[in-house]
Amino acid sequence: MGNHGPDVLTDLRLPVRELRRRIPAVYEGFAATHHAALADGALDTATKELMALAISVVQQCDGCIASHARGAQRAGATEEQVAEAIGVSILMAGGPATVYGPRALAAFQEFAQAASGTQE
């Protein structure tokens, strides 16, 4: 494994850092929105991360998939919950989600394996 989760975020690290250096106010605003949107509220953070992961699949965004797969794992979402959220993505986006959905599940599994210290 190792190509849908941590590796995607690693590949993005330097280009994001460069752009953030050039437009820091935009990134600061986005970070504030990110934290506010995903904070526990009427919906818990895990549910919100699953929603963001499902939207990431629909938007076909590998970096978003990796980020929200990691967020869902950190927030305590289960593999079954991830699979069901991906199922909703397939309902809403059809065929393209059948390509990006497995990427999302693999990313979640990679982060879960890293967190548990195991490798398959």
C-alpha atoms as a PDB file:
ATOM      1  CA  MET A   1       0.000   0.000   0.000  1.00  0.00           C
ATOM      2  CA  GLY A   2       1.193   3.481   0.704  1.00  0.00           C
ATOM      3  CA  ASN A   3       0.102   5.540  -2.283  1.00  0.00           C
ATOM      4  CA  HIS A   4      -3.276   7.067  -1.505  1.00  0.00           C
ATOM      5  CA  GLY A   5      -2.836   8.530   1.968  1.00  0.00           C
ATOM      6  CA  PRO A   6       0.447   9.604   3.550  1.00  0.00           C
ATOM      7  CA  ASP A   7       2.380   9.609   0.258  1.00  0.00           C
ATOM      8  CA  VAL A   8      -0.117  11.988  -1.356  1.00  0.00           C
ATOM      9  CA  LEU A   9       0.207  14.414   1.548  1.00  0.00           C
ATOM     10  CA  THR A  10       3.999  14.130   1.446  1.00  0.00           C
ATOM     11  CA  ASP A  11       4.040  14.900  -2.286  1.00  0.00           C
ATOM     12  CA  LEU A  12       1.939  18.023  -1.678  1.00  0.00           C
ATOM     13  CA  ARG A  13       3.936  19.317   1.303  1.00  0.00           C
ATOM     14  CA  LEU A  14       6.542  21.395  -0.571  1.00  0.00           C
ATOM     15  CA  PRO A  15       4.267  22.885  -3.257  1.00  0.00           C
ATOM     16  CA  VAL A  16       1.706  23.844  -0.604  1.00  0.00           C
ATOM     17  CA  ARG A  17       4.397  25.367   1.587  1.00  0.00           C
ATOM     18  CA  GLU A  18       5.606  27.487  -1.356  1.00  0.00           C
ATOM     19  CA  LEU A  19       2.128  28.729  -2.229  1.00  0.00           C
ATOM     20  CA  ARG A  20       1.285  29.365   1.425  1.00  0.00           C
ATOM     21  CA  ARG A  21       4.436  31.499   1.687  1.00  0.00           C
ATOM     22  CA  ARG A  22       3.203  33.610  -1.239  1.00  0.00           C
ATOM     23  CA  ILE A  23      -0.430  33.998  -0.092  1.00  0.00           C
ATOM     24  CA  PRO A  24      -0.409  33.573   3.684  1.00  0.00           C
ATOM     25  CA  ALA A  25      -3.648  35.456   4.338  1.00  0.00           C
ATOM     26  CA  VAL A  26      -5.586  33.134   2.024  1.00  0.00           C
ATOM     27  CA  TYR A  27      -4.213  30.070   3.799  1.00  0.00           C
ATOM     28  CA  GLU A  28      -4.875  31.590   7.225  1.00  0.00           C
ATOM     29  CA  GLY A  29      -8.492  32.239   6.247  1.00  0.00           C
ATOM     30  CA  PHE A  30      -8.882  28.745   4.837  1.00  0.00           C
ATOM     31  CA  ALA A  31      -7.366  27.222   7.988  1.00  0.00           C
ATOM     32  CA  ALA A  32      -9.815  29.154  10.162  1.00  0.00           C
ATOM     33  CA  THR A  33     -12.750  27.983   8.019  1.00  0.00           C
ATOM     34  CA  HIS A  34     -11.432  24.407   8.089  1.00  0.00           C
ATOM     35  CA  HIS A  35     -11.187  24.356  11.874  1.00  0.00           C
ATOM     36  CA  ALA A  36     -14.580  25.994  12.366  1.00  0.00           C
ATOM     37  CA  ALA A  37     -16.354  23.699   9.912  1.00  0.00           C
ATOM     38  CA  LEU A  38     -14.909  20.489  11.362  1.00  0.00           C
ATOM     39  CA  ALA A  39     -15.237  21.345  15.061  1.00  0.00           C
ATOM     40  CA  ASP A  40     -17.604  19.283  17.186  1.00  0.00           C
ATOM     41  CA  GLY A  41     -21.087  20.743  17.225  1.00  0.00           C
ATOM     42  CA  ALA A  42     -24.498  19.292  16.447  1.00  0.00           C
ATOM     43  CA  LEU A  43     -22.462  16.886  14.277  1.00  0.00           C
ATOM     44  CA  ASP A  44     -19.298  15.414  15.718  1.00  0.00           C
ATOM     45  CA  THR A  45     -15.941  15.818  13.994  1.00  0.00           C
ATOM     46  CA  ALA A  46     -15.874  12.207  12.768  1.00  0.00           C
ATOM     47  CA  THR A  47     -19.204  12.677  10.974  1.00  0.00           C
ATOM     48  CA  LYS A  48     -18.004  15.921   9.432  1.00  0.00           C
ATOM     49  CA  GLU A  49     -14.769  14.264   8.268  1.00  0.00           C
ATOM     50  CA  LEU A  50     -16.810  11.467   6.677  1.00  0.00           C
ATOM     51  CA  MET A  51     -18.900  14.093   4.882  1.00  0.00           C
ATOM     52  CA  ALA A  52     -15.743  15.847   3.696  1.00  0.00           C
ATOM     53  CA  LEU A  53     -14.291  12.513   2.566  1.00  0.00           C
ATOM     54  CA  ALA A  54     -17.440  11.717   0.582  1.00  0.00           C
ATOM     55  CA  ILE A  55     -17.336  15.144  -1.062  1.00  0.00           C
ATOM     56  CA  SER A  56     -13.630  14.640  -1.811  1.00  0.00           C
ATOM     57  CA  VAL A  57     -14.499  11.454  -3.695  1.00  0.00           C
ATOM     58  CA  VAL A  58     -17.206  13.267  -5.672  1.00  0.00           C
ATOM     59  CA  GLN A  59     -14.775  16.114  -6.450  1.00  0.00           C
ATOM     60  CA  GLN A  60     -12.087  13.583  -7.489  1.00  0.00           C
ATOM     61  CA  CYS A  61      -9.466  15.326  -5.339  1.00  0.00           C
ATOM     62  CA  ASP A  62      -6.687  12.972  -4.240  1.00  0.00           C
ATOM     63  CA  GLY A  63      -5.169  15.513  -1.834  1.00  0.00           C
ATOM     64  CA  CYS A  64      -8.569  16.131  -0.258  1.00  0.00           C
ATOM     65  CA  ILE A  65      -9.190  12.386  -0.019  1.00  0.00           C
ATOM     66  CA  ALA A  66      -5.880  11.893   1.782  1.00  0.00           C
ATOM     67  CA  SER A  67      -6.469  14.810   4.132  1.00  0.00           C
ATOM     68  CA  HIS A  68      -9.992  13.797   5.101  1.00  0.00           C
ATOM     69  CA  ALA A  69      -9.174  10.083   5.290  1.00  0.00           C
ATOM     70  CA  ARG A  70      -6.526  11.067   7.844  1.00  0.00           C
ATOM     71  CA  GLY A  71      -9.013  13.361   9.595  1.00  0.00           C
ATOM     72  CA  ALA A  72     -11.666  10.643   9.729  1.00  0.00           C
ATOM     73  CA  GLN A  73      -9.163   8.157  11.142  1.00  0.00           C
ATOM     74  CA  ARG A  74      -7.946  10.629  13.753  1.00  0.00           C
ATOM     75  CA  ALA A  75     -11.531  11.498  14.713  1.00  0.00           C
ATOM     76  CA  GLY A  76     -12.339   7.836  15.363  1.00  0.00           C
ATOM     77  CA  ALA A  77     -14.353   6.906  12.281  1.00  0.00           C
ATOM     78  CA  THR A  78     -14.446   3.200  11.523  1.00  0.00           C
ATOM     79  CA  GLU A  79     -13.648   1.472   8.255  1.00  0.00           C
ATOM     80  CA  GLU A  80     -17.316   0.497   7.986  1.00  0.00           C
ATOM     81  CA  GLN A  81     -18.387   4.137   8.356  1.00  0.00           C
ATOM     82  CA  VAL A  82     -15.886   5.165   5.672  1.00  0.00           C
ATOM     83  CA  ALA A  83     -17.211   2.472   3.334  1.00  0.00           C
ATOM     84  CA  GLU A  84     -20.804   3.647   3.842  1.00  0.00           C
ATOM     85  CA  ALA A  85     -19.838   7.295   3.259  1.00  0.00           C
ATOM     86  CA  ILE A  86     -18.140   6.204   0.035  1.00  0.00           C
ATOM     87  CA  GLY A  87     -21.354   4.393  -0.871  1.00  0.00           C
ATOM     88  CA  VAL A  88     -23.201   7.706  -0.685  1.00  0.00           C
ATOM     89  CA  SER A  89     -20.530   9.221  -2.946  1.00  0.00           C
ATOM     90  CA  ILE A  90     -21.194   6.486  -5.490  1.00  0.00           C
ATOM     91  CA  LEU A  91     -24.935   7.207  -5.281  1.00  0.00           C
ATOM     92  CA  MET A  92     -24.371  10.895  -5.932  1.00  0.00           C
ATOM     93  CA  ALA A  93     -21.508  10.774  -8.449  1.00  0.00           C
ATOM     94  CA  GLY A  94     -21.867   7.422 -10.176  1.00  0.00           C
ATOM     95  CA  GLY A  95     -18.993   5.893 -12.095  1.00  0.00           C
ATOM     96  CA  PRO A  96     -16.215   8.348 -11.199  1.00  0.00           C
ATOM     97  CA  ALA A  97     -16.842   7.651  -7.507  1.00  0.00           C
ATOM     98  CA  THR A  98     -16.280   3.952  -8.174  1.00  0.00           C
ATOM     99  CA  VAL A  99     -12.704   4.965  -9.114  1.00  0.00           C
ATOM    100  CA  TYR A 100     -12.051   7.519  -6.369  1.00  0.00           C
ATOM    101  CA  GLY A 101     -13.993   5.645  -3.668  1.00  0.00           C
ATOM    102  CA  PRO A 102     -11.487   2.791  -3.486  1.00  0.00           C
ATOM    103  CA  ARG A 103      -8.716   5.388  -3.260  1.00  0.00           C
ATOM    104  CA  ALA A 104     -10.479   6.897  -0.259  1.00  0.00           C
ATOM    105  CA  LEU A 105     -10.845   3.530   1.454  1.00  0.00           C
ATOM    106  CA  ALA A 106      -7.193   2.695   0.771  1.00  0.00           C
ATOM    107  CA  ALA A 107      -6.109   6.075   2.157  1.00  0.00           C
ATOM    108  CA  PHE A 108      -8.131   5.524   5.328  1.00  0.00           C
ATOM    109  CA  GLN A 109      -6.643   2.050   5.713  1.00  0.00           C
ATOM    110  CA  GLU A 110      -3.111   3.426   5.269  1.00  0.00           C
ATOM    111  CA  PHE A 111      -3.650   6.015   8.008  1.00  0.00           C
ATOM    112  CA  ALA A 112      -5.274   3.439  10.285  1.00  0.00           C
ATOM    113  CA  GLN A 113      -2.371   1.028   9.760  1.00  0.00           C
ATOM    114  CA  ALA A 114       0.156   3.774  10.436  1.00  0.00           C
ATOM    115  CA  ALA A 115      -1.689   4.746  13.618  1.00  0.00           C
ATOM    116  CA  SER A 116      -1.721   1.151  14.831  1.00  0.00           C
ATOM    117  CA  GLY A 117       1.915   0.594  13.861  1.00  0.00           C
ATOM    118  CA  THR A 118       1.098  -2.318  11.537  1.00  0.00           C
ATOM    119  CA  GLN A 119       1.690  -2.854   7.847  1.00  0.00           C
ATOM    120  CA  GLU A 120      -0.142  -5.259   5.563  1.00  0.00           C
END
